[in-house]
C-alpha atoms as a PDB file:
ATOM      1  CA  MET A   1      61.524 -24.678  42.968  1.00  0.00           C
ATOM      2  CA  TYR A   2      63.442 -24.374  39.856  1.00  0.00           C
ATOM      3  CA  VAL A   3      64.678 -26.977  37.151  1.00  0.00           C
ATOM      4  CA  ARG A   4      67.392 -25.169  36.055  1.00  0.00           C
ATOM      5  CA  SER A   5      69.397 -27.305  34.166  1.00  0.00           C
ATOM      6  CA  LEU A   6      69.273 -30.973  32.235  1.00  0.00           C
ATOM      7  CA  GLY A   7      71.634 -33.628  31.347  1.00  0.00           C
ATOM      8  CA  VAL A   8      71.271 -36.775  29.347  1.00  0.00           C
ATOM      9  CA  TYR A   9      73.759 -39.868  28.367  1.00  0.00           C
ATOM     10  CA  LEU A  10      72.616 -42.070  24.844  1.00  0.00           C
ATOM     11  CA  PRO A  11      74.590 -45.296  24.505  1.00  0.00           C
ATOM     12  CA  GLU A  12      76.166 -45.020  20.565  1.00  0.00           C
ATOM     13  CA  GLY A  13      74.743 -48.450  20.173  1.00  0.00           C
ATOM     14  CA  ARG A  14      71.215 -48.467  17.993  1.00  0.00           C
ATOM     15  CA  MET A  15      68.328 -50.873  17.123  1.00  0.00           C
ATOM     16  CA  ASP A  16      66.347 -50.147  14.477  1.00  0.00           C
ATOM     17  CA  ALA A  17      62.693 -50.986  13.447  1.00  0.00           C
ATOM     18  CA  GLU A  18      63.818 -53.731  10.963  1.00  0.00           C
ATOM     19  CA  GLU A  19      65.971 -55.833  13.965  1.00  0.00           C
ATOM     20  CA  ILE A  20      62.774 -55.515  16.151  1.00  0.00           C
ATOM     21  CA  ALA A  21      60.582 -56.574  13.281  1.00  0.00           C
ATOM     22  CA  ARG A  22      63.227 -59.676  12.924  1.00  0.00           C
ATOM     23  CA  ARG A  23      63.423 -60.181  16.290  1.00  0.00           C
ATOM     24  CA  SER A  24      59.542 -60.142  16.931  1.00  0.00           C
ATOM     25  CA  GLY A  25      58.434 -61.752  13.602  1.00  0.00           C
ATOM     26  CA  LEU A  26      56.009 -58.331  13.226  1.00  0.00           C
ATOM     27  CA  PRO A  27      55.906 -56.415   9.794  1.00  0.00           C
ATOM     28  CA  ARG A  28      58.466 -53.681   9.690  1.00  0.00           C
ATOM     29  CA  GLU A  29      55.364 -51.320   9.038  1.00  0.00           C
ATOM     30  CA  VAL A  30      53.685 -52.519  12.107  1.00  0.00           C
ATOM     31  CA  VAL A  31      56.957 -51.710  14.076  1.00  0.00           C
ATOM     32  CA  VAL A  32      57.337 -48.312  12.894  1.00  0.00           C
ATOM     33  CA  GLU A  33      53.380 -46.964  12.390  1.00  0.00           C
ATOM     34  CA  LYS A  34      51.861 -48.666  15.307  1.00  0.00           C
ATOM     35  CA  LEU A  35      54.652 -49.102  18.260  1.00  0.00           C
ATOM     36  CA  GLY A  36      56.421 -45.761  17.025  1.00  0.00           C
ATOM     37  CA  ILE A  37      59.710 -47.283  16.662  1.00  0.00           C
ATOM     38  CA  VAL A  38      62.308 -46.109  13.986  1.00  0.00           C
ATOM     39  CA  GLN A  39      65.245 -46.968  16.410  1.00  0.00           C
ATOM     40  CA  LYS A  40      66.273 -47.022  20.218  1.00  0.00           C
ATOM     41  CA  PRO A  41      69.383 -46.628  21.832  1.00  0.00           C
ATOM     42  CA  VAL A  42      70.721 -49.773  23.245  1.00  0.00           C
ATOM     43  CA  PRO A  43      73.593 -50.272  25.528  1.00  0.00           C
ATOM     44  CA  GLY A  44      76.990 -51.355  25.481  1.00  0.00           C
ATOM     45  CA  PRO A  45      79.551 -52.713  27.231  1.00  0.00           C
ATOM     46  CA  SER A  46      79.668 -50.169  29.951  1.00  0.00           C
ATOM     47  CA  ASP A  47      76.361 -48.480  29.876  1.00  0.00           C
ATOM     48  CA  HIS A  48      74.911 -49.745  33.281  1.00  0.00           C
ATOM     49  CA  PRO A  49      71.981 -48.251  34.469  1.00  0.00           C
ATOM     50  CA  ALA A  50      73.923 -46.128  37.724  1.00  0.00           C
ATOM     51  CA  ALA A  51      76.833 -45.141  35.383  1.00  0.00           C
ATOM     52  CA  MET A  52      74.834 -43.897  32.817  1.00  0.00           C
ATOM     53  CA  ALA A  53      72.879 -41.895  35.596  1.00  0.00           C
ATOM     54  CA  ALA A  54      75.672 -40.463  36.643  1.00  0.00           C
ATOM     55  CA  TRP A  55      76.990 -39.372  33.001  1.00  0.00           C
ATOM     56  CA  ALA A  56      73.931 -37.297  32.644  1.00  0.00           C
ATOM     57  CA  ALA A  57      73.894 -35.755  36.696  1.00  0.00           C
ATOM     58  CA  LYS A  58      77.666 -34.595  35.569  1.00  0.00           C
ATOM     59  CA  ALA A  59      76.276 -33.561  32.063  1.00  0.00           C
ATOM     60  CA  ALA A  60      73.358 -31.241  33.914  1.00  0.00           C
ATOM     61  CA  LEU A  61      76.075 -29.861  36.706  1.00  0.00           C
ATOM     62  CA  GLU A  62      78.555 -28.721  33.726  1.00  0.00           C
ATOM     63  CA  ALA A  63      75.623 -27.386  31.874  1.00  0.00           C
ATOM     64  CA  ALA A  64      74.501 -25.060  34.626  1.00  0.00           C
ATOM     65  CA  GLY A  65      77.839 -24.412  36.017  1.00  0.00           C
ATOM     66  CA  PHE A  66      76.735 -25.733  39.166  1.00  0.00           C
ATOM     67  CA  PRO A  67      79.879 -27.545  41.300  1.00  0.00           C
ATOM     68  CA  GLY A  68      78.890 -30.646  42.688  1.00  0.00           C
ATOM     69  CA  GLU A  69      79.715 -29.460  46.439  1.00  0.00           C
ATOM     70  CA  ARG A  70      76.376 -26.965  46.080  1.00  0.00           C
ATOM     71  CA  VAL A  71      74.227 -29.886  45.846  1.00  0.00           C
ATOM     72  CA  ASP A  72      72.148 -30.801  49.232  1.00  0.00           C
ATOM     73  CA  TRP A  73      70.219 -33.846  48.077  1.00  0.00           C
ATOM     74  CA  VAL A  74      70.691 -36.461  45.234  1.00  0.00           C
ATOM     75  CA  LEU A  75      67.225 -38.225  44.531  1.00  0.00           C
ATOM     76  CA  SER A  76      68.273 -41.046  42.650  1.00  0.00           C
ATOM     77  CA  MET A  77      65.672 -42.623  40.275  1.00  0.00           C
ATOM     78  CA  VAL A  78      67.796 -45.403  38.901  1.00  0.00           C
ATOM     79  CA  GLU A  79      65.978 -48.200  37.512  1.00  0.00           C
ATOM     80  CA  GLU A  80      65.315 -51.169  39.901  1.00  0.00           C
ATOM     81  CA  TYR A  81      67.535 -53.561  37.219  1.00  0.00           C
ATOM     82  CA  LYS A  82      70.571 -51.980  38.012  1.00  0.00           C
ATOM     83  CA  ASP A  83      74.721 -52.205  37.834  1.00  0.00           C
ATOM     84  CA  TYR A  84      74.163 -54.664  41.123  1.00  0.00           C
ATOM     85  CA  PRO A  85      70.903 -56.194  42.336  1.00  0.00           C
ATOM     86  CA  VAL A  86      70.330 -55.062  46.177  1.00  0.00           C
ATOM     87  CA  TRP A  87      72.318 -51.832  46.294  1.00  0.00           C
ATOM     88  CA  ALA A  88      71.306 -48.116  46.692  1.00  0.00           C
ATOM     89  CA  THR A  89      72.260 -45.646  44.360  1.00  0.00           C
ATOM     90  CA  ALA A  90      71.946 -42.408  45.917  1.00  0.00           C
ATOM     91  CA  PRO A  91      75.286 -42.833  47.672  1.00  0.00           C
ATOM     92  CA  TYR A  92      77.370 -43.696  44.583  1.00  0.00           C
ATOM     93  CA  LEU A  93      75.502 -40.225  42.095  1.00  0.00           C
ATOM     94  CA  ALA A  94      76.716 -38.201  44.734  1.00  0.00           C
ATOM     95  CA  LEU A  95      80.239 -39.198  45.199  1.00  0.00           C
ATOM     96  CA  GLN A  96      80.384 -39.497  41.081  1.00  0.00           C
ATOM     97  CA  VAL A  97      79.660 -36.016  41.202  1.00  0.00           C
ATOM     98  CA  GLY A  98      81.761 -34.514  44.052  1.00  0.00           C
ATOM     99  CA  ALA A  99      78.808 -34.199  46.607  1.00  0.00           C
ATOM    100  CA  MET A 100      80.176 -35.679  49.655  1.00  0.00           C
ATOM    101  CA  GLY A 101      78.431 -33.429  51.649  1.00  0.00           C
ATOM    102  CA  ALA A 102      74.864 -34.102  50.275  1.00  0.00           C
ATOM    103  CA  ARG A 103      71.868 -36.289  51.532  1.00  0.00           C
ATOM    104  CA  GLY A 104      70.390 -38.644  49.516  1.00  0.00           C
ATOM    105  CA  LEU A 105      67.289 -41.206  48.897  1.00  0.00           C
ATOM    106  CA  ASP A 106      66.604 -43.706  46.021  1.00  0.00           C
ATOM    107  CA  LEU A 107      63.187 -43.503  44.959  1.00  0.00           C
ATOM    108  CA  ASN A 108      60.746 -46.080  42.755  1.00  0.00           C
ATOM    109  CA  GLN A 109      57.524 -45.262  40.639  1.00  0.00           C
ATOM    110  CA  LYS A 110      59.038 -47.352  37.464  1.00  0.00           C
ATOM    111  CA  CYS A 111      58.295 -44.881  34.655  1.00  0.00           C
ATOM    112  CA  ALA A 112      56.592 -42.181  36.497  1.00  0.00           C
ATOM    113  CA  SER A 113      59.576 -42.176  38.948  1.00  0.00           C
ATOM    114  CA  LEU A 114      60.404 -38.471  37.779  1.00  0.00           C
ATOM    115  CA  MET A 115      56.837 -36.860  38.841  1.00  0.00           C
ATOM    116  CA  GLY A 116      57.493 -38.781  42.455  1.00  0.00           C
ATOM    117  CA  ALA A 117      61.099 -37.464  42.363  1.00  0.00           C
ATOM    118  CA  LEU A 118      59.736 -33.934  42.123  1.00  0.00           C
ATOM    119  CA  GLU A 119      57.105 -34.186  44.861  1.00  0.00           C
ATOM    120  CA  VAL A 120      59.704 -35.160  47.467  1.00  0.00           C
ATOM    121  CA  ALA A 121      61.791 -32.522  46.560  1.00  0.00           C
ATOM    122  CA  ARG A 122      59.232 -29.758  46.229  1.00  0.00           C
ATOM    123  CA  GLY A 123      58.707 -31.163  50.066  1.00  0.00           C
ATOM    124  CA  LEU A 124      62.198 -30.748  51.035  1.00  0.00           C
ATOM    125  CA  PHE A 125      62.463 -27.570  49.844  1.00  0.00           C
ATOM    126  CA  ALA A 126      59.455 -26.783  51.712  1.00  0.00           C
ATOM    127  CA  THR A 127      60.016 -28.078  55.108  1.00  0.00           C
ATOM    128  CA  ARG A 128      64.015 -27.192  54.859  1.00  0.00           C
ATOM    129  CA  GLU A 129      64.944 -24.130  54.095  1.00  0.00           C
ATOM    130  CA  GLY A 130      68.746 -24.968  54.187  1.00  0.00           C
ATOM    131  CA  VAL A 131      68.097 -26.868  50.730  1.00  0.00           C
ATOM    132  CA  GLY A 132      69.403 -24.802  47.768  1.00  0.00           C
ATOM    133  CA  ALA A 133      69.919 -27.783  45.460  1.00  0.00           C
ATOM    134  CA  VAL A 134      68.359 -31.002  45.033  1.00  0.00           C
ATOM    135  CA  LEU A 135      70.003 -33.119  41.822  1.00  0.00           C
ATOM    136  CA  VAL A 136      67.176 -35.581  40.701  1.00  0.00           C
ATOM    137  CA  ALA A 137      69.314 -38.547  38.179  1.00  0.00           C
ATOM    138  CA  GLY A 138      68.599 -41.727  36.562  1.00  0.00           C
ATOM    139  CA  GLY A 139      69.688 -44.774  34.402  1.00  0.00           C
ATOM    140  CA  TYR A 140      67.526 -47.428  32.813  1.00  0.00           C
ATOM    141  CA  ARG A 141      68.117 -50.006  30.259  1.00  0.00           C
ATOM    142  CA  ASN A 142      65.400 -52.505  30.959  1.00  0.00           C
ATOM    143  CA  GLY A 143      65.364 -53.220  27.177  1.00  0.00           C
ATOM    144  CA  ASP A 144      67.430 -56.260  28.739  1.00  0.00           C
ATOM    145  CA  LEU A 145      64.039 -58.062  29.653  1.00  0.00           C
ATOM    146  CA  VAL A 146      62.328 -57.553  26.724  1.00  0.00           C
ATOM    147  CA  ASP A 147      61.710 -60.920  24.975  1.00  0.00           C
ATOM    148  CA  TYR A 148      60.879 -60.341  21.393  1.00  0.00           C
ATOM    149  CA  GLN A 149      59.253 -63.907  21.005  1.00  0.00           C
ATOM    150  CA  ASP A 150      56.181 -63.177  23.680  1.00  0.00           C
ATOM    151  CA  PRO A 151      53.605 -61.002  22.188  1.00  0.00           C
ATOM    152  CA  GLN A 152      52.004 -60.549  25.284  1.00  0.00           C
ATOM    153  CA  THR A 153      54.799 -57.647  25.435  1.00  0.00           C
ATOM    154  CA  ARG A 154      54.639 -55.879  22.403  1.00  0.00           C
ATOM    155  CA  PHE A 155      53.944 -52.817  24.028  1.00  0.00           C
ATOM    156  CA  LEU A 156      57.595 -53.206  25.682  1.00  0.00           C
ATOM    157  CA  TYR A 157      59.559 -53.670  22.630  1.00  0.00           C
ATOM    158  CA  ASP A 158      60.472 -49.838  22.666  1.00  0.00           C
ATOM    159  CA  LEU A 159      62.055 -50.166  25.982  1.00  0.00           C
ATOM    160  CA  ALA A 160      65.109 -48.747  25.133  1.00  0.00           C
ATOM    161  CA  ALA A 161      68.615 -47.219  27.757  1.00  0.00           C
ATOM    162  CA  GLY A 162      70.417 -44.160  28.595  1.00  0.00           C
ATOM    163  CA  GLY A 163      70.852 -41.471  31.428  1.00  0.00           C
ATOM    164  CA  GLY A 164      68.777 -38.600  32.626  1.00  0.00           C
ATOM    165  CA  ALA A 165      69.489 -35.600  34.917  1.00  0.00           C
ATOM    166  CA  ILE A 166      68.004 -32.874  36.411  1.00  0.00           C
ATOM    167  CA  LEU A 167      69.215 -30.098  38.419  1.00  0.00           C
ATOM    168  CA  LEU A 168      66.518 -28.461  41.162  1.00  0.00           C
ATOM    169  CA  THR A 169      67.621 -25.434  42.536  1.00  0.00           C
ATOM    170  CA  ARG A 170      65.061 -22.933  45.284  1.00  0.00           C
ATOM    171  CA  GLU A 171      65.921 -19.851  42.597  1.00  0.00           C
ATOM    172  CA  GLY A 172      65.399 -19.584  39.596  1.00  0.00           C
ATOM    173  CA  PRO A 173      66.230 -19.777  36.074  1.00  0.00           C
ATOM    174  CA  GLY A 174      64.480 -22.336  34.708  1.00  0.00           C
ATOM    175  CA  LEU A 175      61.395 -23.902  34.617  1.00  0.00           C
ATOM    176  CA  ARG A 176      59.960 -23.052  38.044  1.00  0.00           C
ATOM    177  CA  VAL A 177      57.600 -25.869  38.824  1.00  0.00           C
ATOM    178  CA  LEU A 178      54.180 -25.097  39.475  1.00  0.00           C
ATOM    179  CA  GLY A 179      51.523 -28.022  40.131  1.00  0.00           C
ATOM    180  CA  LEU A 180      51.883 -31.562  40.364  1.00  0.00           C
ATOM    181  CA  ALA A 181      49.394 -34.756  40.496  1.00  0.00           C
ATOM    182  CA  HIS A 182      49.514 -38.159  40.900  1.00  0.00           C
ATOM    183  CA  ARG A 183      46.787 -41.707  40.850  1.00  0.00           C
ATOM    184  CA  MET A 184      47.867 -45.026  41.115  1.00  0.00           C
ATOM    185  CA  ASP A 185      45.774 -47.910  40.337  1.00  0.00           C
ATOM    186  CA  PRO A 186      46.146 -50.886  42.213  1.00  0.00           C
ATOM    187  CA  SER A 187      44.517 -53.363  40.164  1.00  0.00           C
ATOM    188  CA  LEU A 188      47.212 -53.251  38.434  1.00  0.00           C
ATOM    189  CA  ALA A 189      49.448 -54.120  41.066  1.00  0.00           C
ATOM    190  CA  LEU A 190      50.708 -57.409  40.104  1.00  0.00           C
ATOM    191  CA  SER A 191      50.200 -56.419  36.224  1.00  0.00           C
ATOM    192  CA  VAL A 192      54.033 -56.284  34.865  1.00  0.00           C
ATOM    193  CA  LYS A 193      56.677 -58.042  36.641  1.00  0.00           C
ATOM    194  CA  VAL A 194      59.919 -60.366  36.374  1.00  0.00           C
ATOM    195  CA  PRO A 195      58.596 -63.454  38.089  1.00  0.00           C
ATOM    196  CA  VAL A 196      61.527 -65.030  38.648  1.00  0.00           C
ATOM    197  CA  GLY A 197      64.855 -63.981  40.591  1.00  0.00           C
ATOM    198  CA  GLY A 198      63.096 -62.632  44.235  1.00  0.00           C
ATOM    199  CA  THR A 199      62.021 -64.639  46.993  1.00  0.00           C
ATOM    200  CA  ARG A 200      58.454 -65.870  45.565  1.00  0.00           C
ATOM    201  CA  ALA A 201      60.791 -67.766  42.725  1.00  0.00           C
ATOM    202  CA  PRO A 202      64.232 -67.653  43.272  1.00  0.00           C
ATOM    203  CA  LEU A 203      66.357 -67.503  40.051  1.00  0.00           C
ATOM    204  CA  THR A 204      67.815 -71.232  39.427  1.00  0.00           C
ATOM    205  CA  PRO A 205      69.724 -71.937  36.138  1.00  0.00           C
ATOM    206  CA  GLU A 206      66.010 -73.765  35.278  1.00  0.00           C
ATOM    207  CA  THR A 207      64.038 -70.453  35.775  1.00  0.00           C
ATOM    208  CA  LEU A 208      67.200 -67.907  34.344  1.00  0.00           C
ATOM    209  CA  GLY A 209      65.030 -67.973  30.673  1.00  0.00           C
ATOM    210  CA  GLU A 210      62.135 -66.489  32.605  1.00  0.00           C
ATOM    211  CA  PHE A 211      63.989 -63.728  33.726  1.00  0.00           C
ATOM    212  CA  ARG A 212      62.012 -60.906  31.727  1.00  0.00           C
ATOM    213  CA  LEU A 213      59.277 -58.837  31.663  1.00  0.00           C
ATOM    214  CA  ARG A 214      56.005 -60.402  31.771  1.00  0.00           C
ATOM    215  CA  VAL A 215      52.420 -59.565  31.971  1.00  0.00           C
ATOM    216  CA  GLU A 216      50.443 -61.952  34.057  1.00  0.00           C
ATOM    217  CA  ASP A 217      46.879 -61.342  32.821  1.00  0.00           C
ATOM    218  CA  PRO A 218      47.066 -60.236  29.408  1.00  0.00           C
ATOM    219  CA  ALA A 219      43.165 -59.903  28.563  1.00  0.00           C
ATOM    220  CA  PHE A 220      42.549 -58.157  32.217  1.00  0.00           C
ATOM    221  CA  MET A 221      45.344 -55.633  31.670  1.00  0.00           C
ATOM    222  CA  LYS A 222      44.110 -54.546  28.223  1.00  0.00           C
ATOM    223  CA  ALA A 223      40.993 -53.990  29.080  1.00  0.00           C
ATOM    224  CA  ARG A 224      41.376 -51.950  32.086  1.00  0.00           C
ATOM    225  CA  LEU A 225      44.358 -49.754  30.504  1.00  0.00           C
ATOM    226  CA  ASP A 226      42.049 -49.370  27.142  1.00  0.00           C
ATOM    227  CA  ALA A 227      39.494 -48.566  29.739  1.00  0.00           C
ATOM    228  CA  THR A 228      41.659 -45.890  32.179  1.00  0.00           C
ATOM    229  CA  SER A 229      44.736 -45.316  30.600  1.00  0.00           C
ATOM    230  CA  ILE A 230      44.295 -42.402  28.289  1.00  0.00           C
ATOM    231  CA  PRO A 231      41.080 -40.937  30.772  1.00  0.00           C
ATOM    232  CA  THR A 232      44.029 -40.810  33.436  1.00  0.00           C
ATOM    233  CA  PHE A 233      46.942 -38.585  31.492  1.00  0.00           C
ATOM    234  CA  LEU A 234      43.917 -36.527  31.287  1.00  0.00           C
ATOM    235  CA  GLU A 235      42.549 -35.938  34.915  1.00  0.00           C
ATOM    236  CA  VAL A 236      46.423 -35.932  36.204  1.00  0.00           C
ATOM    237  CA  VAL A 237      47.310 -33.018  33.615  1.00  0.00           C
ATOM    238  CA  ARG A 238      44.201 -31.060  34.402  1.00  0.00           C
ATOM    239  CA  GLU A 239      45.044 -31.768  37.984  1.00  0.00           C
ATOM    240  CA  ALA A 240      48.081 -30.122  37.466  1.00  0.00           C
ATOM    241  CA  LEU A 241      47.204 -27.145  35.532  1.00  0.00           C
ATOM    242  CA  ALA A 242      44.654 -26.583  38.404  1.00  0.00           C
ATOM    243  CA  GLU A 243      47.043 -26.247  41.034  1.00  0.00           C
ATOM    244  CA  ALA A 244      48.997 -24.134  39.067  1.00  0.00           C
ATOM    245  CA  GLY A 245      45.814 -21.676  37.998  1.00  0.00           C
ATOM    246  CA  TYR A 246      45.863 -22.426  34.791  1.00  0.00           C
ATOM    247  CA  ALA A 247      44.105 -24.300  32.030  1.00  0.00           C
ATOM    248  CA  GLU A 248      44.239 -26.701  28.751  1.00  0.00           C
ATOM    249  CA  ALA A 249      43.999 -23.655  26.672  1.00  0.00           C
ATOM    250  CA  ASP A 250      47.809 -21.835  28.507  1.00  0.00           C
ATOM    251  CA  LEU A 251      49.531 -25.378  27.361  1.00  0.00           C
ATOM    252  CA  ASP A 252      52.639 -24.715  25.148  1.00  0.00           C
ATOM    253  CA  TYR A 253      54.306 -27.934  24.993  1.00  0.00           C
ATOM    254  CA  LEU A 254      53.774 -31.348  26.310  1.00  0.00           C
ATOM    255  CA  ALA A 255      56.716 -33.493  27.418  1.00  0.00           C
ATOM    256  CA  LEU A 256      55.265 -37.196  27.028  1.00  0.00           C
ATOM    257  CA  LEU A 257      56.524 -40.076  27.446  1.00  0.00           C
ATOM    258  CA  HIS A 258      57.035 -42.838  24.340  1.00  0.00           C
ATOM    259  CA  MET A 259      54.428 -44.568  23.581  1.00  0.00           C
ATOM    260  CA  LYS A 260      52.303 -46.655  20.755  1.00  0.00           C
ATOM    261  CA  ARG A 261      51.122 -43.663  18.507  1.00  0.00           C
ATOM    262  CA  SER A 262      47.477 -43.859  18.710  1.00  0.00           C
ATOM    263  CA  ALA A 263      47.908 -43.452  22.194  1.00  0.00           C
ATOM    264  CA  HIS A 264      50.195 -40.213  21.935  1.00  0.00           C
ATOM    265  CA  ARG A 265      47.688 -38.701  19.305  1.00  0.00           C
ATOM    266  CA  ALA A 266      44.822 -39.507  21.989  1.00  0.00           C
ATOM    267  CA  VAL A 267      46.396 -37.514  24.811  1.00  0.00           C
ATOM    268  CA  LEU A 268      47.316 -34.761  22.582  1.00  0.00           C
ATOM    269  CA  GLU A 269      43.654 -34.560  21.412  1.00  0.00           C
ATOM    270  CA  GLY A 270      42.006 -34.522  24.320  1.00  0.00           C
ATOM    271  CA  LEU A 271      44.392 -31.627  26.066  1.00  0.00           C
ATOM    272  CA  GLY A 272      43.240 -29.772  23.005  1.00  0.00           C
ATOM    273  CA  LEU A 273      47.296 -29.613  21.788  1.00  0.00           C
ATOM    274  CA  GLY A 274      48.322 -29.680  18.328  1.00  0.00           C
ATOM    275  CA  PRO A 275      51.174 -32.451  17.199  1.00  0.00           C
ATOM    276  CA  GLU A 276      53.903 -29.649  16.475  1.00  0.00           C
ATOM    277  CA  GLN A 277      53.039 -29.087  20.799  1.00  0.00           C
ATOM    278  CA  SER A 278      55.037 -31.969  21.839  1.00  0.00           C
ATOM    279  CA  LEU A 279      57.677 -33.982  20.261  1.00  0.00           C
ATOM    280  CA  TYR A 280      57.312 -38.085  19.649  1.00  0.00           C
ATOM    281  CA  LEU A 281      60.328 -39.561  20.403  1.00  0.00           C
ATOM    282  CA  GLU A 282      60.276 -42.240  17.728  1.00  0.00           C
ATOM    283  CA  ARG A 283      63.752 -42.204  17.474  1.00  0.00           C
ATOM    284  CA  PHE A 284      64.519 -43.010  20.955  1.00  0.00           C
ATOM    285  CA  GLY A 285      61.873 -45.341  21.896  1.00  0.00           C
ATOM    286  CA  HIS A 286      61.182 -45.658  25.990  1.00  0.00           C
ATOM    287  CA  LEU A 287      63.679 -44.597  28.094  1.00  0.00           C
ATOM    288  CA  GLY A 288      61.170 -45.021  31.470  1.00  0.00           C
ATOM    289  CA  GLN A 289      61.355 -42.275  33.796  1.00  0.00           C
ATOM    290  CA  LEU A 290      63.496 -40.510  31.719  1.00  0.00           C
ATOM    291  CA  ASP A 291      61.315 -39.608  28.609  1.00  0.00           C
ATOM    292  CA  PRO A 292      60.187 -35.924  30.129  1.00  0.00           C
ATOM    293  CA  ILE A 293      63.688 -35.166  30.450  1.00  0.00           C
ATOM    294  CA  LEU A 294      64.649 -36.244  26.953  1.00  0.00           C
ATOM    295  CA  SER A 295      61.639 -34.421  25.979  1.00  0.00           C
ATOM    296  CA  LEU A 296      62.306 -31.116  27.045  1.00  0.00           C
ATOM    297  CA  LYS A 297      66.018 -31.222  25.858  1.00  0.00           C
ATOM    298  CA  LEU A 298      64.997 -31.713  22.840  1.00  0.00           C
ATOM    299  CA  ALA A 299      62.212 -29.237  22.577  1.00  0.00           C
ATOM    300  CA  TRP A 300      64.683 -26.760  24.113  1.00  0.00           C
ATOM    301  CA  GLU A 301      67.065 -27.457  21.421  1.00  0.00           C
ATOM    302  CA  ALA A 302      64.789 -27.274  18.493  1.00  0.00           C
ATOM    303  CA  GLY A 303      63.714 -23.870  19.813  1.00  0.00           C
ATOM    304  CA  ARG A 304      60.056 -24.987  20.669  1.00  0.00           C
ATOM    305  CA  LEU A 305      60.608 -23.600  24.816  1.00  0.00           C
ATOM    306  CA  ARG A 306      60.935 -19.844  24.696  1.00  0.00           C
ATOM    307  CA  GLU A 307      60.283 -17.392  27.796  1.00  0.00           C
ATOM    308  CA  GLY A 308      57.171 -17.876  29.486  1.00  0.00           C
ATOM    309  CA  SER A 309      56.354 -21.472  28.214  1.00  0.00           C
ATOM    310  CA  LEU A 310      53.925 -23.156  29.671  1.00  0.00           C
ATOM    311  CA  VAL A 311      54.944 -27.343  30.325  1.00  0.00           C
ATOM    312  CA  ALA A 312      53.581 -30.176  31.320  1.00  0.00           C
ATOM    313  CA  LEU A 313      55.211 -33.520  31.995  1.00  0.00           C
ATOM    314  CA  ALA A 314      53.168 -36.730  31.856  1.00  0.00           C
ATOM    315  CA  ALA A 315      54.168 -40.319  32.830  1.00  0.00           C
ATOM    316  CA  ALA A 316      52.814 -43.437  33.631  1.00  0.00           C
ATOM    317  CA  GLY A 317      54.606 -46.461  34.746  1.00  0.00           C
ATOM    318  CA  VAL A 318      53.533 -50.459  36.052  1.00  0.00           C
ATOM    319  CA  GLY A 319      52.449 -50.930  39.169  1.00  0.00           C
ATOM    320  CA  TYR A 320      50.602 -49.104  37.987  1.00  0.00           C
ATOM    321  CA  PHE A 321      51.389 -45.410  38.327  1.00  0.00           C
ATOM    322  CA  TYR A 322      50.277 -41.658  36.916  1.00  0.00           C
ATOM    323  CA  GLY A 323      51.596 -38.463  37.524  1.00  0.00           C
ATOM    324  CA  ALA A 324      52.246 -35.228  35.711  1.00  0.00           C
ATOM    325  CA  ALA A 325      53.986 -31.550  36.740  1.00  0.00           C
ATOM    326  CA  VAL A 326      53.211 -28.426  35.243  1.00  0.00           C
ATOM    327  CA  LEU A 327      55.925 -25.738  34.611  1.00  0.00           C
ATOM    328  CA  ARG A 328      56.503 -22.283  33.419  1.00  0.00           C
ATOM    329  CA  LEU A 329      59.983 -21.338  31.772  1.00  0.00           C
ATOM    330  CA  GLU A 330      61.776 -18.030  33.734  1.00  0.00           C
ATOM    331  CA  GLY A 331      64.627 -16.439  32.287  1.00  0.00           C
ATOM    332  CA  GLY A 332      65.943 -19.641  30.643  1.00  0.00           C
ATOM    333  CA  LEU A 333      66.989 -23.460  31.001  1.00  0.00           C
ATOM    334  CA  TYR A 334      70.931 -24.779  30.669  1.00  0.00           C
ATOM    335  CA  ALA A 335      70.842 -28.094  29.257  1.00  0.00           C
END
């Protein structure tokens, strides 16, 4: 299974560190140096998650010169907060790219959804001989749900907006997927959520202001993540490397989701990588499950990926999910 091409859509609007500082009351230096945000994309009036996913999907197909009617499966990782509630998006994506005969699935592991989609796609290629192409696409604008006056959700101030897509094919060229690894931490199952708008607390005019991301037990979550987050990132990358038959020293590039600067450095150092072997997304914020796609595209455009480059993707999603993938570039990439 190969990542044949990449597609990314970013809205034109931007929120900079000064604006985040103004809204939150934090010093600008903290926003930039600790949270790691110089600026981030914010949506315009037409930038809805499924729409942004479709634009990214079209870009991925166009980059490879691959017609939509040749797509066999569409795996949607459009975020749960999307254009309409209680709505499946894989059929919409198929409609938008002309994949009218495709099968599809909607998948959701929050910001680790790309790793889940890769696992599902690998299973499709392995068990269904007729599958030649799988399109994975997602859109994200959970930045709408950030309350900058809530200091307990400070780690979410980087949430941004955009769309991302990859085209997977049975044969190359592209980034060949060699290893995958996953973890869950059920102790954090209720840690981050929008507390109203579901069946437990239906949305009412009185609770509308609470339709924001909240942390249920900040002290427990901080203690748990301080103890387990970095080690778990390292575990999943090492497991994916082992499945691929490689070691940490073989890695050329790490596509890591956006996180605070100190955590980003800790993951790199834990894997024995230098800062030149990754890109810190300080000008893009956190696009959820799309961060690894954006990182790969930026790395390809910057000339950091070459024939034979060994690449790892790593991500985590509240819930709590962790995932990693290891890929090797064989014969080029369309982006």
